[in-house]
Amino acid sequence: MPVVKIQWFAGRDQAVKAEVAKDIEKVLVRSAGCPPGSTYIIFEDVEPGNWAIHGELKG
């Protein structure tokens, strides 16, 4: 069972997450031979103020 963790800026709605989850599942079934329904996907919404790139906070 693959586990995919996605960390991204908060703000995407449930419909977007649902579509991304379906697309990831399809890729893992097609490309990695994973059984359908075996993929766990965790979305972690991070506020930009808690994310730094090149030493600078994004929020």
PDB file of N, CA and C in Angstrom:
ATOM      1  N   MET A   1       0.841  -1.175   0.000  1.00  0.00           N
ATOM      2  CA  MET A   1       0.000   0.000   0.000  1.00  0.00           C
ATOM      3  C   MET A   1       0.882   1.232   0.000  1.00  0.00           C
ATOM      4  N   PRO A   2       0.883   1.997  -1.049  1.00  0.00           N
ATOM      5  CA  PRO A   2       1.665   3.231  -1.065  1.00  0.00           C
ATOM      6  C   PRO A   2       0.983   4.321  -0.244  1.00  0.00           C
ATOM      7  N   VAL A   3       1.817   5.142   0.377  1.00  0.00           N
ATOM      8  CA  VAL A   3       1.341   6.313   1.104  1.00  0.00           C
ATOM      9  C   VAL A   3       1.982   7.529   0.447  1.00  0.00           C
ATOM     10  N   VAL A   4       1.150   8.468   0.026  1.00  0.00           N
ATOM     11  CA  VAL A   4       1.623   9.691  -0.614  1.00  0.00           C
ATOM     12  C   VAL A   4       1.246  10.851   0.289  1.00  0.00           C
ATOM     13  N   LYS A   5       2.231  11.648   0.667  1.00  0.00           N
ATOM     14  CA  LYS A   5       1.972  12.819   1.500  1.00  0.00           C
ATOM     15  C   LYS A   5       2.252  14.065   0.679  1.00  0.00           C
ATOM     16  N   ILE A   6       1.263  14.938   0.616  1.00  0.00           N
ATOM     17  CA  ILE A   6       1.376  16.171  -0.148  1.00  0.00           C
ATOM     18  C   ILE A   6       1.327  17.337   0.826  1.00  0.00           C
ATOM     19  N   GLN A   7       2.396  18.101   0.844  1.00  0.00           N
ATOM     20  CA  GLN A   7       2.442  19.325   1.641  1.00  0.00           C
ATOM     21  C   GLN A   7       2.401  20.494   0.669  1.00  0.00           C
ATOM     22  N   TRP A   8       1.424  21.358   0.876  1.00  0.00           N
ATOM     23  CA  TRP A   8       1.286  22.512   0.010  1.00  0.00           C
ATOM     24  C   TRP A   8       0.617  23.630   0.769  1.00  0.00           C
ATOM     25  N   PHE A   9       0.641  24.830   0.162  1.00  0.00           N
ATOM     26  CA  PHE A   9       0.011  25.965   0.825  1.00  0.00           C
ATOM     27  C   PHE A   9      -1.481  25.707   0.980  1.00  0.00           C
ATOM     28  N   ALA A  10      -2.013  26.091   2.112  1.00  0.00           N
ATOM     29  CA  ALA A  10      -3.438  25.976   2.383  1.00  0.00           C
ATOM     30  C   ALA A  10      -4.225  26.840   1.401  1.00  0.00           C
ATOM     31  N   GLY A  11      -5.474  26.436   1.165  1.00  0.00           N
ATOM     32  CA  GLY A  11      -6.344  27.255   0.336  1.00  0.00           C
ATOM     33  C   GLY A  11      -7.053  26.502  -0.776  1.00  0.00           C
ATOM     34  N   ARG A  12      -6.646  25.273  -1.025  1.00  0.00           N
ATOM     35  CA  ARG A  12      -7.329  24.510  -2.074  1.00  0.00           C
ATOM     36  C   ARG A  12      -8.566  23.856  -1.482  1.00  0.00           C
ATOM     37  N   ASP A  13      -9.639  23.821  -2.258  1.00  0.00           N
ATOM     38  CA  ASP A  13     -10.883  23.260  -1.737  1.00  0.00           C
ATOM     39  C   ASP A  13     -10.931  21.736  -1.903  1.00  0.00           C
ATOM     40  N   GLN A  14     -11.963  21.143  -1.344  1.00  0.00           N
ATOM     41  CA  GLN A  14     -12.105  19.687  -1.343  1.00  0.00           C
ATOM     42  C   GLN A  14     -12.208  19.115  -2.753  1.00  0.00           C
ATOM     43  N   ALA A  15     -12.820  19.840  -3.669  1.00  0.00           N
ATOM     44  CA  ALA A  15     -12.952  19.356  -5.039  1.00  0.00           C
ATOM     45  C   ALA A  15     -11.581  19.209  -5.695  1.00  0.00           C
ATOM     46  N   VAL A  16     -10.695  20.154  -5.466  1.00  0.00           N
ATOM     47  CA  VAL A  16      -9.346  20.088  -6.025  1.00  0.00           C
ATOM     48  C   VAL A  16      -8.603  18.901  -5.421  1.00  0.00           C
ATOM     49  N   LYS A  17      -8.686  18.743  -4.113  1.00  0.00           N
ATOM     50  CA  LYS A  17      -8.012  17.623  -3.455  1.00  0.00           C
ATOM     51  C   LYS A  17      -8.544  16.283  -3.965  1.00  0.00           C
ATOM     52  N   ALA A  18      -9.846  16.194  -4.162  1.00  0.00           N
ATOM     53  CA  ALA A  18     -10.438  14.955  -4.665  1.00  0.00           C
ATOM     54  C   ALA A  18      -9.919  14.622  -6.060  1.00  0.00           C
ATOM     55  N   GLU A  19      -9.810  15.614  -6.914  1.00  0.00           N
ATOM     56  CA  GLU A  19      -9.305  15.376  -8.266  1.00  0.00           C
ATOM     57  C   GLU A  19      -7.834  14.971  -8.248  1.00  0.00           C
ATOM     58  N   VAL A  20      -7.037  15.639  -7.432  1.00  0.00           N
ATOM     59  CA  VAL A  20      -5.623  15.287  -7.315  1.00  0.00           C
ATOM     60  C   VAL A  20      -5.489  13.850  -6.800  1.00  0.00           C
ATOM     61  N   ALA A  21      -6.286  13.492  -5.807  1.00  0.00           N
ATOM     62  CA  ALA A  21      -6.236  12.136  -5.253  1.00  0.00           C
ATOM     63  C   ALA A  21      -6.568  11.095  -6.318  1.00  0.00           C
ATOM     64  N   LYS A  22      -7.602  11.340  -7.109  1.00  0.00           N
ATOM     65  CA  LYS A  22      -7.962  10.401  -8.182  1.00  0.00           C
ATOM     66  C   LYS A  22      -6.838  10.261  -9.195  1.00  0.00           C
ATOM     67  N   ASP A  23      -6.226  11.385  -9.566  1.00  0.00           N
ATOM     68  CA  ASP A  23      -5.146  11.350 -10.552  1.00  0.00           C
ATOM     69  C   ASP A  23      -3.929  10.588 -10.021  1.00  0.00           C
ATOM     70  N   ILE A  24      -3.577  10.808  -8.755  1.00  0.00           N
ATOM     71  CA  ILE A  24      -2.445  10.094  -8.168  1.00  0.00           C
ATOM     72  C   ILE A  24      -2.728   8.595  -8.131  1.00  0.00           C
ATOM     73  N   GLU A  25      -3.918   8.238  -7.718  1.00  0.00           N
ATOM     74  CA  GLU A  25      -4.309   6.816  -7.687  1.00  0.00           C
ATOM     75  C   GLU A  25      -4.174   6.188  -9.077  1.00  0.00           C
ATOM     76  N   LYS A  26      -4.662   6.869 -10.091  1.00  0.00           N
ATOM     77  CA  LYS A  26      -4.579   6.340 -11.463  1.00  0.00           C
ATOM     78  C   LYS A  26      -3.136   6.105 -11.883  1.00  0.00           C
ATOM     79  N   VAL A  27      -2.259   7.048 -11.575  1.00  0.00           N
ATOM     80  CA  VAL A  27      -0.844   6.911 -11.949  1.00  0.00           C
ATOM     81  C   VAL A  27      -0.217   5.716 -11.245  1.00  0.00           C
ATOM     82  N   LEU A  28      -0.484   5.553  -9.963  1.00  0.00           N
ATOM     83  CA  LEU A  28       0.115   4.444  -9.230  1.00  0.00           C
ATOM     84  C   LEU A  28      -0.427   3.093  -9.687  1.00  0.00           C
ATOM     85  N   VAL A  29      -1.681   3.038 -10.050  1.00  0.00           N
ATOM     86  CA  VAL A  29      -2.247   1.799 -10.592  1.00  0.00           C
ATOM     87  C   VAL A  29      -1.609   1.489 -11.943  1.00  0.00           C
ATOM     88  N   ARG A  30      -1.551   2.485 -12.814  1.00  0.00           N
ATOM     89  CA  ARG A  30      -1.034   2.290 -14.171  1.00  0.00           C
ATOM     90  C   ARG A  30       0.478   2.072 -14.198  1.00  0.00           C
ATOM     91  N   SER A  31       1.214   2.905 -13.509  1.00  0.00           N
ATOM     92  CA  SER A  31       2.674   2.904 -13.642  1.00  0.00           C
ATOM     93  C   SER A  31       3.388   1.978 -12.666  1.00  0.00           C
ATOM     94  N   ALA A  32       2.823   1.790 -11.483  1.00  0.00           N
ATOM     95  CA  ALA A  32       3.509   1.002 -10.464  1.00  0.00           C
ATOM     96  C   ALA A  32       2.830  -0.332 -10.186  1.00  0.00           C
ATOM     97  N   GLY A  33       1.690  -0.576 -10.848  1.00  0.00           N
ATOM     98  CA  GLY A  33       0.996  -1.844 -10.666  1.00  0.00           C
ATOM     99  C   GLY A  33       0.334  -1.999  -9.309  1.00  0.00           C
ATOM    100  N   CYS A  34       0.058  -0.896  -8.628  1.00  0.00           N
ATOM    101  CA  CYS A  34      -0.615  -0.967  -7.332  1.00  0.00           C
ATOM    102  C   CYS A  34      -2.076  -1.359  -7.532  1.00  0.00           C
ATOM    103  N   PRO A  35      -2.608  -2.171  -6.644  1.00  0.00           N
ATOM    104  CA  PRO A  35      -4.026  -2.519  -6.765  1.00  0.00           C
ATOM    105  C   PRO A  35      -4.908  -1.286  -6.560  1.00  0.00           C
ATOM    106  N   PRO A  36      -5.963  -1.145  -7.336  1.00  0.00           N
ATOM    107  CA  PRO A  36      -6.884  -0.027  -7.127  1.00  0.00           C
ATOM    108  C   PRO A  36      -7.398  -0.025  -5.684  1.00  0.00           C
ATOM    109  N   GLY A  37      -7.458   1.153  -5.107  1.00  0.00           N
ATOM    110  CA  GLY A  37      -7.969   1.290  -3.753  1.00  0.00           C
ATOM    111  C   GLY A  37      -6.931   1.071  -2.667  1.00  0.00           C
ATOM    112  N   SER A  38      -5.676   0.859  -3.059  1.00  0.00           N
ATOM    113  CA  SER A  38      -4.649   0.577  -2.047  1.00  0.00           C
ATOM    114  C   SER A  38      -3.807   1.795  -1.675  1.00  0.00           C
ATOM    115  N   THR A  39      -4.060   2.914  -2.310  1.00  0.00           N
ATOM    116  CA  THR A  39      -3.230   4.099  -2.098  1.00  0.00           C
ATOM    117  C   THR A  39      -3.824   4.992  -1.015  1.00  0.00           C
ATOM    118  N   TYR A  40      -2.984   5.374  -0.075  1.00  0.00           N
ATOM    119  CA  TYR A  40      -3.356   6.340   0.952  1.00  0.00           C
ATOM    120  C   TYR A  40      -2.726   7.675   0.581  1.00  0.00           C
ATOM    121  N   ILE A  41      -3.518   8.731   0.598  1.00  0.00           N
ATOM    122  CA  ILE A  41      -3.019  10.063   0.253  1.00  0.00           C
ATOM    123  C   ILE A  41      -3.341  10.999   1.407  1.00  0.00           C
ATOM    124  N   ILE A  42      -2.313  11.684   1.887  1.00  0.00           N
ATOM    125  CA  ILE A  42      -2.459  12.609   3.006  1.00  0.00           C
ATOM    126  C   ILE A  42      -2.168  14.015   2.492  1.00  0.00           C
ATOM    127  N   PHE A  43      -3.139  14.894   2.637  1.00  0.00           N
ATOM    128  CA  PHE A  43      -2.937  16.295   2.279  1.00  0.00           C
ATOM    129  C   PHE A  43      -2.628  17.073   3.558  1.00  0.00           C
ATOM    130  N   GLU A  44      -1.531  17.784   3.549  1.00  0.00           N
ATOM    131  CA  GLU A  44      -1.179  18.635   4.672  1.00  0.00           C
ATOM    132  C   GLU A  44      -1.154  20.074   4.183  1.00  0.00           C
ATOM    133  N   ASP A  45      -2.139  20.829   4.626  1.00  0.00           N
ATOM    134  CA  ASP A  45      -2.246  22.234   4.239  1.00  0.00           C
ATOM    135  C   ASP A  45      -1.409  23.074   5.199  1.00  0.00           C
ATOM    136  N   VAL A  46      -0.436  23.764   4.650  1.00  0.00           N
ATOM    137  CA  VAL A  46       0.483  24.564   5.451  1.00  0.00           C
ATOM    138  C   VAL A  46       0.221  26.041   5.165  1.00  0.00           C
ATOM    139  N   GLU A  47       0.075  26.789   6.219  1.00  0.00           N
ATOM    140  CA  GLU A  47      -0.089  28.238   6.046  1.00  0.00           C
ATOM    141  C   GLU A  47       1.234  28.813   5.533  1.00  0.00           C
ATOM    142  N   PRO A  48       1.188  29.741   4.577  1.00  0.00           N
ATOM    143  CA  PRO A  48       2.418  30.296   4.014  1.00  0.00           C
ATOM    144  C   PRO A  48       3.375  30.862   5.065  1.00  0.00           C
ATOM    145  N   GLY A  49       2.848  31.353   6.170  1.00  0.00           N
ATOM    146  CA  GLY A  49       3.698  31.892   7.225  1.00  0.00           C
ATOM    147  C   GLY A  49       4.516  30.834   7.953  1.00  0.00           C
ATOM    148  N   ASN A  50       4.200  29.563   7.692  1.00  0.00           N
ATOM    149  CA  ASN A  50       4.933  28.455   8.297  1.00  0.00           C
ATOM    150  C   ASN A  50       5.831  27.754   7.282  1.00  0.00           C
ATOM    151  N   TRP A  51       6.087  28.391   6.150  1.00  0.00           N
ATOM    152  CA  TRP A  51       6.864  27.787   5.074  1.00  0.00           C
ATOM    153  C   TRP A  51       7.905  28.798   4.608  1.00  0.00           C
ATOM    154  N   ALA A  52       9.149  28.382   4.614  1.00  0.00           N
ATOM    155  CA  ALA A  52      10.226  29.271   4.155  1.00  0.00           C
ATOM    156  C   ALA A  52      10.950  28.643   2.985  1.00  0.00           C
ATOM    157  N   ILE A  53      11.304  29.456   2.004  1.00  0.00           N
ATOM    158  CA  ILE A  53      12.092  29.034   0.865  1.00  0.00           C
ATOM    159  C   ILE A  53      13.261  30.013   0.758  1.00  0.00           C
ATOM    160  N   HIS A  54      14.444  29.488   0.635  1.00  0.00           N
ATOM    161  CA  HIS A  54      15.653  30.327   0.568  1.00  0.00           C
ATOM    162  C   HIS A  54      15.776  31.252   1.775  1.00  0.00           C
ATOM    163  N   GLY A  55      15.336  30.745   2.939  1.00  0.00           N
ATOM    164  CA  GLY A  55      15.466  31.516   4.173  1.00  0.00           C
ATOM    165  C   GLY A  55      14.434  32.595   4.366  1.00  0.00           C
ATOM    166  N   GLU A  56      13.428  32.660   3.497  1.00  0.00           N
ATOM    167  CA  GLU A  56      12.401  33.689   3.609  1.00  0.00           C
ATOM    168  C   GLU A  56      11.026  33.060   3.758  1.00  0.00           C
ATOM    169  N   LEU A  57      10.271  33.530   4.754  1.00  0.00           N
ATOM    170  CA  LEU A  57       8.915  33.046   4.934  1.00  0.00           C
ATOM    171  C   LEU A  57       8.042  33.485   3.768  1.00  0.00           C
ATOM    172  N   LYS A  58       7.134  32.641   3.378  1.00  0.00           N
ATOM    173  CA  LYS A  58       6.274  32.935   2.229  1.00  0.00           C
ATOM    174  C   LYS A  58       5.014  33.682   2.624  1.00  0.00           C
ATOM    175  N   GLY A  59       4.739  33.832   3.900  1.00  0.00           N
ATOM    176  CA  GLY A  59       3.512  34.500   4.299  1.00  0.00           C
ATOM    177  C   GLY A  59       3.715  35.829   4.932  1.00  0.00           C
TER     178      GLY A  59
END
